[in-house]
Amino acid sequence: MSEIKYEILEQLGVLSKSASGWSKEINLISWNDREAKYDIRDWSADREKMGKGVTLTREELHSLRDLLNKMSL
C-alpha cells in the first residue's frame, strides 16, 4: 500500500480533546497533492497518527452549515 501524502494548509480549530492527547480537529488539507478540502478527523498529539475522518468541499461545508443551523440543538 502506498503512503498517503498530506499537507495541512490551515488549522481551523479543535472540536474536542481526549485524555489520551488525541484531538478532533477541522483543518484545510491537501491530500496527495490534490485540491485542498475541509477535513474533520482525530489526530494524535504529535500528528504522527490520524483516525478516520470526513473530507468536505467548500460547497459541502456550506451545506453542512446550513443543515446544522436548521437543527434545534
C-alpha atoms as a PDB file:
ATOM      1  CA  MET A   1       0.000   0.000   0.000  1.00  0.00           C
ATOM      2  CA  SER A   2       1.380   3.408  -0.931  1.00  0.00           C
ATOM      3  CA  GLU A   3       1.906   6.110   1.641  1.00  0.00           C
ATOM      4  CA  ILE A   4      -0.710   8.849   1.894  1.00  0.00           C
ATOM      5  CA  LYS A   5       0.748  12.301   1.420  1.00  0.00           C
ATOM      6  CA  TYR A   6      -0.951  15.258   3.070  1.00  0.00           C
ATOM      7  CA  GLU A   7      -0.269  18.896   3.830  1.00  0.00           C
ATOM      8  CA  ILE A   8      -2.233  20.810   6.443  1.00  0.00           C
ATOM      9  CA  LEU A   9      -2.654  24.219   4.835  1.00  0.00           C
ATOM     10  CA  GLU A  10      -4.726  25.812   7.589  1.00  0.00           C
ATOM     11  CA  GLN A  11      -5.624  24.706  11.098  1.00  0.00           C
ATOM     12  CA  LEU A  12      -9.172  25.927  11.619  1.00  0.00           C
ATOM     13  CA  GLY A  13      -9.971  24.659  15.097  1.00  0.00           C
ATOM     14  CA  VAL A  14     -10.129  21.910  17.699  1.00  0.00           C
ATOM     15  CA  LEU A  15     -13.570  20.399  18.311  1.00  0.00           C
ATOM     16  CA  SER A  16     -12.554  18.246  21.297  1.00  0.00           C
ATOM     17  CA  LYS A  17      -9.584  16.699  23.100  1.00  0.00           C
ATOM     18  CA  SER A  18      -9.372  13.306  24.772  1.00  0.00           C
ATOM     19  CA  ALA A  19      -7.469  12.335  27.918  1.00  0.00           C
ATOM     20  CA  SER A  20      -5.058  10.349  25.726  1.00  0.00           C
ATOM     21  CA  GLY A  21      -3.949  13.535  23.945  1.00  0.00           C
ATOM     22  CA  TRP A  22      -5.802  12.957  20.679  1.00  0.00           C
ATOM     23  CA  SER A  23      -7.834  15.872  19.328  1.00  0.00           C
ATOM     24  CA  LYS A  24     -10.714  16.073  16.871  1.00  0.00           C
ATOM     25  CA  GLU A  25      -9.899  18.942  14.514  1.00  0.00           C
ATOM     26  CA  ILE A  26     -11.172  20.713  11.451  1.00  0.00           C
ATOM     27  CA  ASN A  27      -8.410  21.666   9.026  1.00  0.00           C
ATOM     28  CA  LEU A  28      -7.910  22.581   5.383  1.00  0.00           C
ATOM     29  CA  ILE A  29      -5.803  19.748   3.941  1.00  0.00           C
ATOM     30  CA  SER A  30      -4.375  18.856   0.548  1.00  0.00           C
ATOM     31  CA  TRP A  31      -4.334  15.055   0.150  1.00  0.00           C
ATOM     32  CA  ASN A  32      -1.855  13.553  -2.357  1.00  0.00           C
ATOM     33  CA  ASP A  33      -1.146  16.964  -3.945  1.00  0.00           C
ATOM     34  CA  ARG A  34      -4.816  17.468  -4.857  1.00  0.00           C
ATOM     35  CA  GLU A  35      -7.040  20.489  -4.297  1.00  0.00           C
ATOM     36  CA  ALA A  36      -7.419  21.232  -0.592  1.00  0.00           C
ATOM     37  CA  LYS A  37     -10.578  20.138   1.226  1.00  0.00           C
ATOM     38  CA  TYR A  38     -12.014  20.742   4.663  1.00  0.00           C
ATOM     39  CA  ASP A  39     -11.258  17.789   6.886  1.00  0.00           C
ATOM     40  CA  ILE A  40     -12.632  16.630  10.249  1.00  0.00           C
ATOM     41  CA  ARG A  41     -10.714  13.827  11.994  1.00  0.00           C
ATOM     42  CA  ASP A  42      -8.833  12.768  15.125  1.00  0.00           C
ATOM     43  CA  TRP A  43      -5.095  13.452  15.358  1.00  0.00           C
ATOM     44  CA  SER A  44      -2.508  12.214  17.831  1.00  0.00           C
ATOM     45  CA  ALA A  45      -0.702  14.888  19.826  1.00  0.00           C
ATOM     46  CA  ASP A  46       2.459  14.506  17.699  1.00  0.00           C
ATOM     47  CA  ARG A  47       0.448  14.317  14.422  1.00  0.00           C
ATOM     48  CA  GLU A  48       2.169  11.022  13.588  1.00  0.00           C
ATOM     49  CA  LYS A  49      -1.166   9.152  13.597  1.00  0.00           C
ATOM     50  CA  MET A  50      -4.651  10.021  12.449  1.00  0.00           C
ATOM     51  CA  GLY A  51      -8.059   8.485  12.758  1.00  0.00           C
ATOM     52  CA  LYS A  52     -10.716   8.047  10.113  1.00  0.00           C
ATOM     53  CA  GLY A  53     -12.376  11.255   9.105  1.00  0.00           C
ATOM     54  CA  VAL A  54     -14.506  13.034   6.582  1.00  0.00           C
ATOM     55  CA  THR A  55     -13.422  15.479   3.886  1.00  0.00           C
ATOM     56  CA  LEU A  56     -15.722  18.126   2.513  1.00  0.00           C
ATOM     57  CA  THR A  57     -15.552  20.522  -0.400  1.00  0.00           C
ATOM     58  CA  ARG A  58     -16.367  24.177   0.253  1.00  0.00           C
ATOM     59  CA  GLU A  59     -19.870  23.611  -1.124  1.00  0.00           C
ATOM     60  CA  GLU A  60     -20.417  20.562   1.109  1.00  0.00           C
ATOM     61  CA  LEU A  61     -19.214  22.534   4.124  1.00  0.00           C
ATOM     62  CA  HIS A  62     -21.732  25.281   3.306  1.00  0.00           C
ATOM     63  CA  SER A  63     -24.496  22.665   3.055  1.00  0.00           C
ATOM     64  CA  LEU A  64     -23.471  21.173   6.391  1.00  0.00           C
ATOM     65  CA  ARG A  65     -23.504  24.611   7.999  1.00  0.00           C
ATOM     66  CA  ASP A  66     -26.998  25.279   6.640  1.00  0.00           C
ATOM     67  CA  LEU A  67     -28.271  21.920   7.915  1.00  0.00           C
ATOM     68  CA  LEU A  68     -26.760  22.493  11.359  1.00  0.00           C
ATOM     69  CA  ASN A  69     -28.299  25.974  11.531  1.00  0.00           C
ATOM     70  CA  LYS A  70     -31.748  24.445  10.907  1.00  0.00           C
ATOM     71  CA  MET A  71     -31.386  21.906  13.734  1.00  0.00           C
ATOM     72  CA  SER A  72     -32.643  22.644  17.215  1.00  0.00           C
ATOM     73  CA  LEU A  73     -29.684  21.677  19.370  1.00  0.00           C
END
